[in-house]
Amino acid sequence: MSAASDRAATLAQMRSALEREFAPSALEIIDDSARHAGHAGAAGGGGHFRVTLVSDAFRGRPALERHRLVYAALAPLMAGAVHALNIIARTPEESSAAAAPPSRAH
């Protein structure tokens, strides 16, 4: 199996696990592995990924707990297929506020 097909399979497994665990209103997973070519962790076959996840499951939870929940959902993949994970985990309200243009004072 090629590295590209391995990464595609990993992306599909990540998406499935995160959708099952969090029922997100928005989910984006980006494979950043090419940006880390030559990195010691990448040499072992593990990929580098960015996850942006919007879910009601994060309501009332601090950032550290949100990250722990995402790592727990992806635990089977963290042992090999995923070397590094950049996580943005927001509630729908936080996501709306982040997307809103800044207000301009006159």
PDB file of N, CA and C in Angstrom:
ATOM      1  N   MET A   1       0.845  -1.172   0.000  1.00  0.00           N
ATOM      2  CA  MET A   1       0.000   0.000   0.000  1.00  0.00           C
ATOM      3  C   MET A   1       0.895   1.242   0.000  1.00  0.00           C
ATOM      4  N   SER A   2       0.567   2.253  -0.764  1.00  0.00           N
ATOM      5  CA  SER A   2       1.377   3.460  -0.852  1.00  0.00           C
ATOM      6  C   SER A   2       1.094   4.388   0.332  1.00  0.00           C
ATOM      7  N   ALA A   3       2.015   5.328   0.538  1.00  0.00           N
ATOM      8  CA  ALA A   3       1.832   6.296   1.622  1.00  0.00           C
ATOM      9  C   ALA A   3       0.552   7.101   1.412  1.00  0.00           C
ATOM     10  N   ALA A   4       0.261   7.457   0.149  1.00  0.00           N
ATOM     11  CA  ALA A   4      -0.945   8.244  -0.149  1.00  0.00           C
ATOM     12  C   ALA A   4      -2.208   7.463   0.189  1.00  0.00           C
ATOM     13  N   SER A   5      -2.246   6.187  -0.145  1.00  0.00           N
ATOM     14  CA  SER A   5      -3.448   5.399   0.164  1.00  0.00           C
ATOM     15  C   SER A   5      -3.539   5.127   1.666  1.00  0.00           C
ATOM     16  N   ASP A   6      -2.379   4.992   2.331  1.00  0.00           N
ATOM     17  CA  ASP A   6      -2.386   4.847   3.792  1.00  0.00           C
ATOM     18  C   ASP A   6      -2.986   6.086   4.443  1.00  0.00           C
ATOM     19  N   ARG A   7      -2.576   7.262   3.960  1.00  0.00           N
ATOM     20  CA  ARG A   7      -3.076   8.515   4.523  1.00  0.00           C
ATOM     21  C   ARG A   7      -4.571   8.674   4.255  1.00  0.00           C
ATOM     22  N   ALA A   8      -5.014   8.285   3.059  1.00  0.00           N
ATOM     23  CA  ALA A   8      -6.442   8.374   2.732  1.00  0.00           C
ATOM     24  C   ALA A   8      -7.249   7.473   3.667  1.00  0.00           C
ATOM     25  N   ALA A   9      -6.742   6.286   3.942  1.00  0.00           N
ATOM     26  CA  ALA A   9      -7.422   5.366   4.859  1.00  0.00           C
ATOM     27  C   ALA A   9      -7.442   5.948   6.273  1.00  0.00           C
ATOM     28  N   THR A  10      -6.337   6.561   6.681  1.00  0.00           N
ATOM     29  CA  THR A  10      -6.272   7.180   8.008  1.00  0.00           C
ATOM     30  C   THR A  10      -7.268   8.325   8.113  1.00  0.00           C
ATOM     31  N   LEU A  11      -7.343   9.165   7.085  1.00  0.00           N
ATOM     32  CA  LEU A  11      -8.317  10.266   7.080  1.00  0.00           C
ATOM     33  C   LEU A  11      -9.740   9.737   7.217  1.00  0.00           C
ATOM     34  N   ALA A  12     -10.059   8.685   6.502  1.00  0.00           N
ATOM     35  CA  ALA A  12     -11.406   8.104   6.569  1.00  0.00           C
ATOM     36  C   ALA A  12     -11.683   7.553   7.965  1.00  0.00           C
ATOM     37  N   GLN A  13     -10.699   6.903   8.573  1.00  0.00           N
ATOM     38  CA  GLN A  13     -10.880   6.361   9.919  1.00  0.00           C
ATOM     39  C   GLN A  13     -11.035   7.491  10.946  1.00  0.00           C
ATOM     40  N   MET A  14     -10.252   8.551  10.776  1.00  0.00           N
ATOM     41  CA  MET A  14     -10.361   9.692  11.682  1.00  0.00           C
ATOM     42  C   MET A  14     -11.744  10.322  11.579  1.00  0.00           C
ATOM     43  N   ARG A  15     -12.192  10.555  10.351  1.00  0.00           N
ATOM     44  CA  ARG A  15     -13.509  11.166  10.127  1.00  0.00           C
ATOM     45  C   ARG A  15     -14.601  10.307  10.764  1.00  0.00           C
ATOM     46  N   SER A  16     -14.555   9.014  10.539  1.00  0.00           N
ATOM     47  CA  SER A  16     -15.564   8.109  11.087  1.00  0.00           C
ATOM     48  C   SER A  16     -15.582   8.155  12.617  1.00  0.00           C
ATOM     49  N   ALA A  17     -14.409   8.089  13.235  1.00  0.00           N
ATOM     50  CA  ALA A  17     -14.322   8.091  14.698  1.00  0.00           C
ATOM     51  C   ALA A  17     -14.828   9.406  15.281  1.00  0.00           C
ATOM     52  N   LEU A  18     -14.446  10.526  14.669  1.00  0.00           N
ATOM     53  CA  LEU A  18     -14.862  11.831  15.185  1.00  0.00           C
ATOM     54  C   LEU A  18     -16.349  12.079  14.973  1.00  0.00           C
ATOM     55  N   GLU A  19     -16.885  11.653  13.837  1.00  0.00           N
ATOM     56  CA  GLU A  19     -18.326  11.800  13.596  1.00  0.00           C
ATOM     57  C   GLU A  19     -19.126  10.939  14.564  1.00  0.00           C
ATOM     58  N   ARG A  20     -18.660   9.733  14.813  1.00  0.00           N
ATOM     59  CA  ARG A  20     -19.346   8.817  15.732  1.00  0.00           C
ATOM     60  C   ARG A  20     -19.329   9.378  17.165  1.00  0.00           C
ATOM     61  N   GLU A  21     -18.216   9.910  17.585  1.00  0.00           N
ATOM     62  CA  GLU A  21     -18.050  10.366  18.966  1.00  0.00           C
ATOM     63  C   GLU A  21     -18.687  11.727  19.241  1.00  0.00           C
ATOM     64  N   PHE A  22     -18.613  12.653  18.276  1.00  0.00           N
ATOM     65  CA  PHE A  22     -19.008  14.030  18.552  1.00  0.00           C
ATOM     66  C   PHE A  22     -20.202  14.548  17.757  1.00  0.00           C
ATOM     67  N   ALA A  23     -20.682  13.831  16.759  1.00  0.00           N
ATOM     68  CA  ALA A  23     -21.774  14.318  15.897  1.00  0.00           C
ATOM     69  C   ALA A  23     -21.550  15.790  15.548  1.00  0.00           C
ATOM     70  N   PRO A  24     -20.424  16.100  14.929  1.00  0.00           N
ATOM     71  CA  PRO A  24     -20.069  17.505  14.706  1.00  0.00           C
ATOM     72  C   PRO A  24     -20.965  18.203  13.691  1.00  0.00           C
ATOM     73  N   SER A  25     -21.138  19.515  13.902  1.00  0.00           N
ATOM     74  CA  SER A  25     -21.840  20.320  12.906  1.00  0.00           C
ATOM     75  C   SER A  25     -20.861  20.758  11.818  1.00  0.00           C
ATOM     76  N   ALA A  26     -19.572  20.700  12.127  1.00  0.00           N
ATOM     77  CA  ALA A  26     -18.528  20.974  11.135  1.00  0.00           C
ATOM     78  C   ALA A  26     -17.294  20.155  11.499  1.00  0.00           C
ATOM     79  N   LEU A  27     -16.651  19.611  10.479  1.00  0.00           N
ATOM     80  CA  LEU A  27     -15.449  18.815  10.690  1.00  0.00           C
ATOM     81  C   LEU A  27     -14.545  18.973   9.480  1.00  0.00           C
ATOM     82  N   GLU A  28     -13.319  19.379   9.734  1.00  0.00           N
ATOM     83  CA  GLU A  28     -12.317  19.483   8.677  1.00  0.00           C
ATOM     84  C   GLU A  28     -11.060  18.778   9.166  1.00  0.00           C
ATOM     85  N   ILE A  29     -10.526  17.897   8.331  1.00  0.00           N
ATOM     86  CA  ILE A  29      -9.288  17.197   8.644  1.00  0.00           C
ATOM     87  C   ILE A  29      -8.331  17.452   7.494  1.00  0.00           C
ATOM     88  N   ILE A  30      -7.168  17.981   7.811  1.00  0.00           N
ATOM     89  CA  ILE A  30      -6.162  18.284   6.798  1.00  0.00           C
ATOM     90  C   ILE A  30      -4.918  17.459   7.069  1.00  0.00           C
ATOM     91  N   ASP A  31      -4.432  16.788   6.044  1.00  0.00           N
ATOM     92  CA  ASP A  31      -3.201  16.012   6.135  1.00  0.00           C
ATOM     93  C   ASP A  31      -2.021  16.949   5.874  1.00  0.00           C
ATOM     94  N   ASP A  32      -1.263  17.240   6.913  1.00  0.00           N
ATOM     95  CA  ASP A  32      -0.093  18.111   6.812  1.00  0.00           C
ATOM     96  C   ASP A  32       1.210  17.321   6.718  1.00  0.00           C
ATOM     97  N   SER A  33       1.135  16.051   6.456  1.00  0.00           N
ATOM     98  CA  SER A  33       2.307  15.188   6.481  1.00  0.00           C
ATOM     99  C   SER A  33       3.408  15.649   5.533  1.00  0.00           C
ATOM    100  N   ALA A  34       3.049  16.126   4.361  1.00  0.00           N
ATOM    101  CA  ALA A  34       4.057  16.547   3.378  1.00  0.00           C
ATOM    102  C   ALA A  34       4.899  17.701   3.915  1.00  0.00           C
ATOM    103  N   ARG A  35       4.310  18.550   4.734  1.00  0.00           N
ATOM    104  CA  ARG A  35       5.048  19.676   5.317  1.00  0.00           C
ATOM    105  C   ARG A  35       6.076  19.218   6.332  1.00  0.00           C
ATOM    106  N   HIS A  36       5.969  17.972   6.792  1.00  0.00           N
ATOM    107  CA  HIS A  36       6.859  17.455   7.828  1.00  0.00           C
ATOM    108  C   HIS A  36       7.751  16.324   7.315  1.00  0.00           C
ATOM    109  N   ALA A  37       7.890  16.212   6.006  1.00  0.00           N
ATOM    110  CA  ALA A  37       8.751  15.171   5.431  1.00  0.00           C
ATOM    111  C   ALA A  37      10.156  15.322   5.994  1.00  0.00           C
ATOM    112  N   GLY A  38      10.740  14.199   6.362  1.00  0.00           N
ATOM    113  CA  GLY A  38      12.075  14.216   6.937  1.00  0.00           C
ATOM    114  C   GLY A  38      12.085  14.334   8.447  1.00  0.00           C
ATOM    115  N   HIS A  39      10.962  14.682   9.021  1.00  0.00           N
ATOM    116  CA  HIS A  39      10.825  14.769  10.478  1.00  0.00           C
ATOM    117  C   HIS A  39      10.940  13.362  11.054  1.00  0.00           C
ATOM    118  N   ALA A  40      11.568  13.226  12.203  1.00  0.00           N
ATOM    119  CA  ALA A  40      11.798  11.908  12.800  1.00  0.00           C
ATOM    120  C   ALA A  40      10.506  11.114  12.967  1.00  0.00           C
ATOM    121  N   GLY A  41       9.435  11.755  13.409  1.00  0.00           N
ATOM    122  CA  GLY A  41       8.163  11.055  13.598  1.00  0.00           C
ATOM    123  C   GLY A  41       7.557  10.618  12.287  1.00  0.00           C
ATOM    124  N   ALA A  42       7.747  11.424  11.247  1.00  0.00           N
ATOM    125  CA  ALA A  42       7.202  11.086   9.936  1.00  0.00           C
ATOM    126  C   ALA A  42       7.917   9.872   9.353  1.00  0.00           C
ATOM    127  N   ALA A  43       9.189   9.707   9.693  1.00  0.00           N
ATOM    128  CA  ALA A  43       9.956   8.572   9.179  1.00  0.00           C
ATOM    129  C   ALA A  43       9.367   7.250   9.659  1.00  0.00           C
ATOM    130  N   GLY A  44       8.703   7.258  10.808  1.00  0.00           N
ATOM    131  CA  GLY A  44       8.083   6.048  11.345  1.00  0.00           C
ATOM    132  C   GLY A  44       6.751   5.728  10.709  1.00  0.00           C
ATOM    133  N   GLY A  45       6.300   6.574   9.785  1.00  0.00           N
ATOM    134  CA  GLY A  45       5.053   6.301   9.080  1.00  0.00           C
ATOM    135  C   GLY A  45       3.851   7.045   9.604  1.00  0.00           C
ATOM    136  N   GLY A  46       3.966   7.657  10.772  1.00  0.00           N
ATOM    137  CA  GLY A  46       2.841   8.389  11.330  1.00  0.00           C
ATOM    138  C   GLY A  46       2.658   9.728  10.645  1.00  0.00           C
ATOM    139  N   GLY A  47       1.404  10.100  10.410  1.00  0.00           N
ATOM    140  CA  GLY A  47       1.105  11.349   9.729  1.00  0.00           C
ATOM    141  C   GLY A  47       0.887  12.506  10.674  1.00  0.00           C
ATOM    142  N   HIS A  48       0.944  13.695  10.109  1.00  0.00           N
ATOM    143  CA  HIS A  48       0.672  14.944  10.816  1.00  0.00           C
ATOM    144  C   HIS A  48      -0.661  15.482  10.292  1.00  0.00           C
ATOM    145  N   PHE A  49      -1.598  15.749  11.193  1.00  0.00           N
ATOM    146  CA  PHE A  49      -2.941  16.153  10.784  1.00  0.00           C
ATOM    147  C   PHE A  49      -3.411  17.370  11.578  1.00  0.00           C
ATOM    148  N   ARG A  50      -4.264  18.181  10.923  1.00  0.00           N
ATOM    149  CA  ARG A  50      -4.955  19.294  11.572  1.00  0.00           C
ATOM    150  C   ARG A  50      -6.440  18.959  11.579  1.00  0.00           C
ATOM    151  N   VAL A  51      -7.056  19.082  12.748  1.00  0.00           N
ATOM    152  CA  VAL A  51      -8.488  18.788  12.896  1.00  0.00           C
ATOM    153  C   VAL A  51      -9.181  20.031  13.429  1.00  0.00           C
ATOM    154  N   THR A  52     -10.207  20.462  12.730  1.00  0.00           N
ATOM    155  CA  THR A  52     -11.083  21.526  13.222  1.00  0.00           C
ATOM    156  C   THR A  52     -12.459  20.894  13.387  1.00  0.00           C
ATOM    157  N   LEU A  53     -12.968  20.966  14.600  1.00  0.00           N
ATOM    158  CA  LEU A  53     -14.173  20.233  14.975  1.00  0.00           C
ATOM    159  C   LEU A  53     -15.112  21.176  15.721  1.00  0.00           C
ATOM    160  N   VAL A  54     -16.370  21.225  15.298  1.00  0.00           N
ATOM    161  CA  VAL A  54     -17.391  22.039  15.963  1.00  0.00           C
ATOM    162  C   VAL A  54     -18.476  21.084  16.457  1.00  0.00           C
ATOM    163  N   SER A  55     -18.696  21.086  17.783  1.00  0.00           N
ATOM    164  CA  SER A  55     -19.654  20.145  18.350  1.00  0.00           C
ATOM    165  C   SER A  55     -20.233  20.674  19.662  1.00  0.00           C
ATOM    166  N   ASP A  56     -21.495  20.359  19.901  1.00  0.00           N
ATOM    167  CA  ASP A  56     -22.125  20.670  21.187  1.00  0.00           C
ATOM    168  C   ASP A  56     -21.459  19.909  22.327  1.00  0.00           C
ATOM    169  N   ALA A  57     -20.768  18.832  22.029  1.00  0.00           N
ATOM    170  CA  ALA A  57     -20.115  18.023  23.056  1.00  0.00           C
ATOM    171  C   ALA A  57     -19.052  18.809  23.821  1.00  0.00           C
ATOM    172  N   PHE A  58     -18.583  19.926  23.250  1.00  0.00           N
ATOM    173  CA  PHE A  58     -17.536  20.711  23.895  1.00  0.00           C
ATOM    174  C   PHE A  58     -18.086  21.797  24.818  1.00  0.00           C
ATOM    175  N   ARG A  59     -19.382  21.955  24.823  1.00  0.00           N
ATOM    176  CA  ARG A  59     -20.015  23.002  25.637  1.00  0.00           C
ATOM    177  C   ARG A  59     -19.646  22.815  27.116  1.00  0.00           C
ATOM    178  N   GLY A  60     -19.158  23.897  27.742  1.00  0.00           N
ATOM    179  CA  GLY A  60     -18.826  23.873  29.161  1.00  0.00           C
ATOM    180  C   GLY A  60     -17.530  23.165  29.501  1.00  0.00           C
ATOM    181  N   ARG A  61     -16.764  22.768  28.488  1.00  0.00           N
ATOM    182  CA  ARG A  61     -15.515  22.050  28.741  1.00  0.00           C
ATOM    183  C   ARG A  61     -14.321  22.942  28.375  1.00  0.00           C
ATOM    184  N   PRO A  62     -13.294  22.962  29.222  1.00  0.00           N
ATOM    185  CA  PRO A  62     -12.107  23.745  28.897  1.00  0.00           C
ATOM    186  C   PRO A  62     -11.331  23.114  27.728  1.00  0.00           C
ATOM    187  N   ALA A  63     -10.439  23.892  27.126  1.00  0.00           N
ATOM    188  CA  ALA A  63      -9.693  23.447  25.947  1.00  0.00           C
ATOM    189  C   ALA A  63      -8.936  22.139  26.192  1.00  0.00           C
ATOM    190  N   LEU A  64      -8.284  22.007  27.342  1.00  0.00           N
ATOM    191  CA  LEU A  64      -7.521  20.797  27.620  1.00  0.00           C
ATOM    192  C   LEU A  64      -8.418  19.558  27.623  1.00  0.00           C
ATOM    193  N   GLU A  65      -9.580  19.662  28.223  1.00  0.00           N
ATOM    194  CA  GLU A  65     -10.505  18.527  28.246  1.00  0.00           C
ATOM    195  C   GLU A  65     -11.012  18.199  26.835  1.00  0.00           C
ATOM    196  N   ARG A  66     -11.276  19.219  26.043  1.00  0.00           N
ATOM    197  CA  ARG A  66     -11.715  19.007  24.666  1.00  0.00           C
ATOM    198  C   ARG A  66     -10.651  18.224  23.892  1.00  0.00           C
ATOM    199  N   HIS A  67      -9.397  18.623  24.049  1.00  0.00           N
ATOM    200  CA  HIS A  67      -8.305  17.936  23.355  1.00  0.00           C
ATOM    201  C   HIS A  67      -8.181  16.491  23.821  1.00  0.00           C
ATOM    202  N   ARG A  68      -8.329  16.279  25.115  1.00  0.00           N
ATOM    203  CA  ARG A  68      -8.265  14.911  25.640  1.00  0.00           C
ATOM    204  C   ARG A  68      -9.381  14.041  25.061  1.00  0.00           C
ATOM    205  N   LEU A  69     -10.566  14.619  24.902  1.00  0.00           N
ATOM    206  CA  LEU A  69     -11.684  13.873  24.312  1.00  0.00           C
ATOM    207  C   LEU A  69     -11.376  13.489  22.856  1.00  0.00           C
ATOM    208  N   VAL A  70     -10.790  14.421  22.108  1.00  0.00           N
ATOM    209  CA  VAL A  70     -10.439  14.129  20.713  1.00  0.00           C
ATOM    210  C   VAL A  70      -9.359  13.056  20.653  1.00  0.00           C
ATOM    211  N   TYR A  71      -8.334  13.177  21.490  1.00  0.00           N
ATOM    212  CA  TYR A  71      -7.286  12.153  21.524  1.00  0.00           C
ATOM    213  C   TYR A  71      -7.868  10.790  21.899  1.00  0.00           C
ATOM    214  N   ALA A  72      -8.791  10.765  22.840  1.00  0.00           N
ATOM    215  CA  ALA A  72      -9.409   9.491  23.241  1.00  0.00           C
ATOM    216  C   ALA A  72     -10.182   8.873  22.083  1.00  0.00           C
ATOM    217  N   ALA A  73     -10.898   9.698  21.327  1.00  0.00           N
ATOM    218  CA  ALA A  73     -11.667   9.188  20.190  1.00  0.00           C
ATOM    219  C   ALA A  73     -10.745   8.618  19.104  1.00  0.00           C
ATOM    220  N   LEU A  74      -9.541   9.173  19.010  1.00  0.00           N
ATOM    221  CA  LEU A  74      -8.599   8.735  17.974  1.00  0.00           C
ATOM    222  C   LEU A  74      -7.505   7.810  18.523  1.00  0.00           C
ATOM    223  N   ALA A  75      -7.647   7.366  19.756  1.00  0.00           N
ATOM    224  CA  ALA A  75      -6.613   6.564  20.419  1.00  0.00           C
ATOM    225  C   ALA A  75      -6.094   5.389  19.579  1.00  0.00           C
ATOM    226  N   PRO A  76      -6.963   4.618  18.927  1.00  0.00           N
ATOM    227  CA  PRO A  76      -6.434   3.490  18.143  1.00  0.00           C
ATOM    228  C   PRO A  76      -5.495   3.934  17.012  1.00  0.00           C
ATOM    229  N   LEU A  77      -5.686   5.134  16.500  1.00  0.00           N
ATOM    230  CA  LEU A  77      -4.845   5.637  15.409  1.00  0.00           C
ATOM    231  C   LEU A  77      -3.576   6.312  15.918  1.00  0.00           C
ATOM    232  N   MET A  78      -3.603   6.780  17.161  1.00  0.00           N
ATOM    233  CA  MET A  78      -2.464   7.502  17.713  1.00  0.00           C
ATOM    234  C   MET A  78      -1.264   6.584  17.946  1.00  0.00           C
ATOM    235  N   ALA A  79      -1.486   5.302  17.979  1.00  0.00           N
ATOM    236  CA  ALA A  79      -0.401   4.353  18.215  1.00  0.00           C
ATOM    237  C   ALA A  79       0.458   4.114  16.976  1.00  0.00           C
ATOM    238  N   GLY A  80       0.075   4.654  15.824  1.00  0.00           N
ATOM    239  CA  GLY A  80       0.885   4.407  14.636  1.00  0.00           C
ATOM    240  C   GLY A  80       0.563   5.296  13.453  1.00  0.00           C
ATOM    241  N   ALA A  81      -0.686   5.340  13.055  1.00  0.00           N
ATOM    242  CA  ALA A  81      -1.065   6.064  11.837  1.00  0.00           C
ATOM    243  C   ALA A  81      -0.993   7.575  12.008  1.00  0.00           C
ATOM    244  N   VAL A  82      -1.169   8.058  13.245  1.00  0.00           N
ATOM    245  CA  VAL A  82      -1.132   9.494  13.512  1.00  0.00           C
ATOM    246  C   VAL A  82       0.033   9.775  14.451  1.00  0.00           C
ATOM    247  N   HIS A  83       0.953  10.606  13.980  1.00  0.00           N
ATOM    248  CA  HIS A  83       2.101  10.990  14.813  1.00  0.00           C
ATOM    249  C   HIS A  83       1.836  12.305  15.536  1.00  0.00           C
ATOM    250  N   ALA A  84       1.239  13.263  14.822  1.00  0.00           N
ATOM    251  CA  ALA A  84       1.000  14.582  15.398  1.00  0.00           C
ATOM    252  C   ALA A  84      -0.392  15.069  15.025  1.00  0.00           C
ATOM    253  N   LEU A  85      -1.008  15.780  15.966  1.00  0.00           N
ATOM    254  CA  LEU A  85      -2.378  16.231  15.778  1.00  0.00           C
ATOM    255  C   LEU A  85      -2.516  17.657  16.288  1.00  0.00           C
ATOM    256  N   ASN A  86      -2.954  18.549  15.426  1.00  0.00           N
ATOM    257  CA  ASN A  86      -3.241  19.935  15.789  1.00  0.00           C
ATOM    258  C   ASN A  86      -4.763  20.020  15.868  1.00  0.00           C
ATOM    259  N   ILE A  87      -5.286  20.416  17.026  1.00  0.00           N
ATOM    260  CA  ILE A  87      -6.737  20.362  17.261  1.00  0.00           C
ATOM    261  C   ILE A  87      -7.303  21.758  17.519  1.00  0.00           C
ATOM    262  N   ILE A  88      -8.376  22.079  16.811  1.00  0.00           N
ATOM    263  CA  ILE A  88      -9.222  23.225  17.136  1.00  0.00           C
ATOM    264  C   ILE A  88     -10.595  22.625  17.421  1.00  0.00           C
ATOM    265  N   ALA A  89     -11.040  22.730  18.669  1.00  0.00           N
ATOM    266  CA  ALA A  89     -12.314  22.153  19.097  1.00  0.00           C
ATOM    267  C   ALA A  89     -13.182  23.261  19.675  1.00  0.00           C
ATOM    268  N   ARG A  90     -14.286  23.544  18.999  1.00  0.00           N
ATOM    269  CA  ARG A  90     -15.155  24.659  19.401  1.00  0.00           C
ATOM    270  C   ARG A  90     -16.603  24.210  19.529  1.00  0.00           C
ATOM    271  N   THR A  91     -17.357  25.010  20.276  1.00  0.00           N
ATOM    272  CA  THR A  91     -18.811  24.847  20.293  1.00  0.00           C
ATOM    273  C   THR A  91     -19.346  25.601  19.078  1.00  0.00           C
ATOM    274  N   PRO A  92     -20.603  25.364  18.688  1.00  0.00           N
ATOM    275  CA  PRO A  92     -21.172  26.123  17.569  1.00  0.00           C
ATOM    276  C   PRO A  92     -21.133  27.635  17.800  1.00  0.00           C
ATOM    277  N   GLU A  93     -21.371  28.081  19.032  1.00  0.00           N
ATOM    278  CA  GLU A  93     -21.348  29.514  19.329  1.00  0.00           C
ATOM    279  C   GLU A  93     -19.941  30.086  19.164  1.00  0.00           C
ATOM    280  N   GLU A  94     -18.950  29.365  19.625  1.00  0.00           N
ATOM    281  CA  GLU A  94     -17.566  29.813  19.481  1.00  0.00           C
ATOM    282  C   GLU A  94     -17.161  29.867  18.014  1.00  0.00           C
ATOM    283  N   SER A  95     -17.636  28.916  17.256  1.00  0.00           N
ATOM    284  CA  SER A  95     -17.320  28.881  15.835  1.00  0.00           C
ATOM    285  C   SER A  95     -17.948  30.068  15.116  1.00  0.00           C
ATOM    286  N   SER A  96     -19.190  30.405  15.467  1.00  0.00           N
ATOM    287  CA  SER A  96     -19.871  31.548  14.864  1.00  0.00           C
ATOM    288  C   SER A  96     -19.157  32.848  15.212  1.00  0.00           C
ATOM    289  N   ALA A  97     -18.728  32.960  16.465  1.00  0.00           N
ATOM    290  CA  ALA A  97     -18.030  34.171  16.905  1.00  0.00           C
ATOM    291  C   ALA A  97     -16.686  34.294  16.185  1.00  0.00           C
ATOM    292  N   ALA A  98     -15.993  33.183  15.973  1.00  0.00           N
ATOM    293  CA  ALA A  98     -14.697  33.199  15.290  1.00  0.00           C
ATOM    294  C   ALA A  98     -14.854  33.569  13.824  1.00  0.00           C
ATOM    295  N   ALA A  99     -15.986  33.231  13.237  1.00  0.00           N
ATOM    296  CA  ALA A  99     -16.215  33.484  11.820  1.00  0.00           C
ATOM    297  C   ALA A  99     -16.766  34.885  11.558  1.00  0.00           C
ATOM    298  N   ALA A 100     -17.294  35.518  12.590  1.00  0.00           N
ATOM    299  CA  ALA A 100     -17.887  36.851  12.424  1.00  0.00           C
ATOM    300  C   ALA A 100     -16.803  37.880  12.152  1.00  0.00           C
ATOM    301  N   PRO A 101     -17.084  38.814  11.262  1.00  0.00           N
ATOM    302  CA  PRO A 101     -16.095  39.865  11.012  1.00  0.00           C
ATOM    303  C   PRO A 101     -15.947  40.731  12.253  1.00  0.00           C
ATOM    304  N   PRO A 102     -14.753  41.252  12.500  1.00  0.00           N
ATOM    305  CA  PRO A 102     -14.575  42.101  13.679  1.00  0.00           C
ATOM    306  C   PRO A 102     -15.415  43.372  13.564  1.00  0.00           C
ATOM    307  N   SER A 103     -15.927  43.804  14.715  1.00  0.00           N
ATOM    308  CA  SER A 103     -16.723  45.039  14.689  1.00  0.00           C
ATOM    309  C   SER A 103     -15.763  46.221  14.570  1.00  0.00           C
ATOM    310  N   ARG A 104     -16.243  47.246  13.915  1.00  0.00           N
ATOM    311  CA  ARG A 104     -15.398  48.425  13.704  1.00  0.00           C
ATOM    312  C   ARG A 104     -16.012  49.606  14.429  1.00  0.00           C
ATOM    313  N   ALA A 105     -15.238  50.190  15.309  1.00  0.00           N
ATOM    314  CA  ALA A 105     -15.705  51.375  16.032  1.00  0.00           C
ATOM    315  C   ALA A 105     -15.479  52.602  15.171  1.00  0.00           C
ATOM    316  N   HIS A 106     -16.377  53.544  15.257  1.00  0.00           N
ATOM    317  CA  HIS A 106     -16.250  54.782  14.474  1.00  0.00           C
ATOM    318  C   HIS A 106     -15.840  55.905  15.350  1.00  0.00           C
TER     319      HIS A 106
END
